[in-house]
Amino acid sequence: MIKTNSSGEFGTRPRGSARAKLCVELPDELNRWVDDFDRHLSRVVGLAATTRHQYCFYVRRFLAELRVAASPDRSVLRAEVFTTFVRQEAGRLHGHSRNQPGTAMRAWLRYLFFAEW
């Protein structure tokens, strides 16, 4: 069964400390970067709002783990960094949802290539 919260969004609402863990603060430049990614997913790829929200969630967490103040240097974005992040995030999930972090990061890498970053 799909649940909606008071704002009409799909999904379940996290409670307590889980809600605090979902909020990731990024510098303004990185937030604009993720917002551009969201617009790309909407206009070019045509993804639903819930899917875009999920993808942006993982990208924000990834950027927060890199601890960068601006656009990360290309030398920082190595396969090992992505692999470690995806495995860590997938380890917290169960069942089919374990694919979500990898799918989100793959979409972000495609966006970076598309945007010629």
Protein backbone atom coordinates (compact mmCIF):
# COMPACT_ATOMS: atom_id res chain seq x y z
CA MET A 1 0.00 0.00 0.00
CA ILE A 2 1.29 3.45 -0.90
CA LYS A 3 1.00 6.03 1.85
CA THR A 4 0.81 9.77 1.41
CA ASN A 5 1.86 12.26 4.04
CA SER A 6 0.11 15.51 4.88
CA SER A 7 1.75 17.35 1.98
CA GLY A 8 0.46 14.74 -0.49
CA GLU A 9 3.86 13.23 -1.24
CA PHE A 10 4.23 9.49 -1.64
CA GLY A 11 6.16 7.28 0.72
CA THR A 12 6.44 6.88 4.44
CA ARG A 13 7.52 9.65 6.72
CA PRO A 14 10.70 9.08 8.68
CA ARG A 15 10.43 9.57 12.40
CA GLY A 16 12.75 10.87 15.09
CA SER A 17 16.45 10.64 14.42
CA ALA A 18 15.84 9.01 11.03
CA ARG A 19 14.35 12.28 9.81
CA ALA A 20 17.43 14.21 10.95
CA LYS A 21 19.71 11.82 9.03
CA LEU A 22 17.79 12.49 5.81
CA CYS A 23 18.52 16.23 5.86
CA VAL A 24 21.86 16.93 4.25
CA GLU A 25 23.16 20.50 4.26
CA LEU A 26 25.33 21.49 1.31
CA PRO A 27 26.91 24.79 0.29
CA ASP A 28 24.80 26.93 -2.06
CA GLU A 29 26.94 26.12 -5.11
CA LEU A 30 26.47 22.38 -4.62
CA ASN A 31 22.74 22.83 -4.00
CA ARG A 32 22.48 24.66 -7.33
CA TRP A 33 24.39 21.81 -8.96
CA VAL A 34 21.97 19.23 -7.56
CA ASP A 35 19.02 21.43 -8.59
CA ASP A 36 20.38 21.50 -12.15
CA PHE A 37 20.61 17.69 -12.02
CA ASP A 38 16.97 17.57 -10.87
CA ARG A 39 15.87 19.81 -13.76
CA HIS A 40 17.82 17.60 -16.18
CA LEU A 41 16.07 14.50 -14.83
CA SER A 42 12.70 16.19 -15.21
CA ARG A 43 13.06 17.89 -18.61
CA VAL A 44 15.49 15.68 -20.51
CA VAL A 45 14.99 12.25 -18.99
CA GLY A 46 11.33 12.71 -17.99
CA LEU A 47 11.49 11.04 -14.58
CA ALA A 48 8.71 11.27 -12.02
CA ALA A 49 9.08 13.62 -9.07
CA THR A 50 9.49 10.81 -6.54
CA THR A 51 12.28 9.22 -8.56
CA ARG A 52 14.03 12.57 -9.00
CA HIS A 53 13.76 13.24 -5.27
CA GLN A 54 15.31 9.86 -4.52
CA TYR A 55 18.18 10.36 -6.96
CA CYS A 56 18.93 13.84 -5.61
CA PHE A 57 18.85 12.45 -2.07
CA TYR A 58 21.70 10.05 -2.83
CA VAL A 59 23.69 12.66 -4.78
CA ARG A 60 23.42 15.09 -1.85
CA ARG A 61 24.58 12.40 0.56
CA PHE A 62 27.48 11.54 -1.71
CA LEU A 63 28.57 15.17 -1.99
CA ALA A 64 28.22 15.62 1.77
CA GLU A 65 30.48 12.61 2.33
CA LEU A 66 33.10 14.13 -0.01
CA ARG A 67 33.04 17.21 2.24
CA VAL A 68 33.69 19.68 -0.53
CA ALA A 69 32.77 23.36 -0.43
CA ALA A 70 32.37 23.75 -4.19
CA SER A 71 32.22 21.57 -7.28
CA PRO A 72 34.51 18.62 -6.58
CA ASP A 73 37.72 18.30 -8.48
CA ARG A 74 37.57 15.59 -11.14
CA SER A 75 40.51 13.82 -9.54
CA VAL A 76 38.39 13.22 -6.42
CA LEU A 77 35.70 11.39 -8.39
CA ARG A 78 37.29 7.98 -8.75
CA ALA A 79 35.59 4.62 -9.17
CA GLU A 80 36.69 3.55 -5.68
CA VAL A 81 34.93 6.54 -4.11
CA PHE A 82 31.67 5.77 -5.93
CA THR A 83 31.91 2.05 -5.21
CA THR A 84 32.52 2.59 -1.50
CA PHE A 85 29.60 5.01 -1.25
CA VAL A 86 27.17 2.76 -3.15
CA ARG A 87 28.13 -0.30 -1.09
CA GLN A 88 27.76 1.64 2.14
CA GLU A 89 24.33 2.97 1.21
CA ALA A 90 23.12 -0.36 -0.19
CA GLY A 91 24.22 -2.07 3.02
CA ARG A 92 21.62 -0.04 4.93
CA LEU A 93 18.80 -1.14 2.65
CA HIS A 94 16.96 -4.41 2.17
CA GLY A 95 15.66 -6.32 -0.81
CA HIS A 96 15.19 -4.67 -4.17
CA SER A 97 15.75 -1.19 -2.71
CA ARG A 98 19.46 -2.00 -2.48
CA ASN A 99 19.67 -1.05 -6.18
CA GLN A 100 18.60 2.55 -5.52
CA PRO A 101 21.98 4.11 -4.62
CA GLY A 102 23.74 2.58 -7.61
CA THR A 103 21.00 3.63 -10.00
CA ALA A 104 21.01 7.18 -8.64
CA MET A 105 24.78 7.51 -8.90
CA ARG A 106 24.79 6.08 -12.43
CA ALA A 107 22.20 8.69 -13.44
CA TRP A 108 24.34 11.42 -11.88
CA LEU A 109 27.44 10.26 -13.77
CA ARG A 110 25.43 10.32 -17.00
CA TYR A 111 24.32 13.85 -16.18
CA LEU A 112 27.93 14.93 -15.59
CA PHE A 113 28.88 13.52 -18.97
CA PHE A 114 25.83 15.16 -20.60
CA ALA A 115 26.69 18.51 -18.99
CA GLU A 116 30.30 18.12 -20.16
CA TRP A 117 31.60 18.61 -16.66
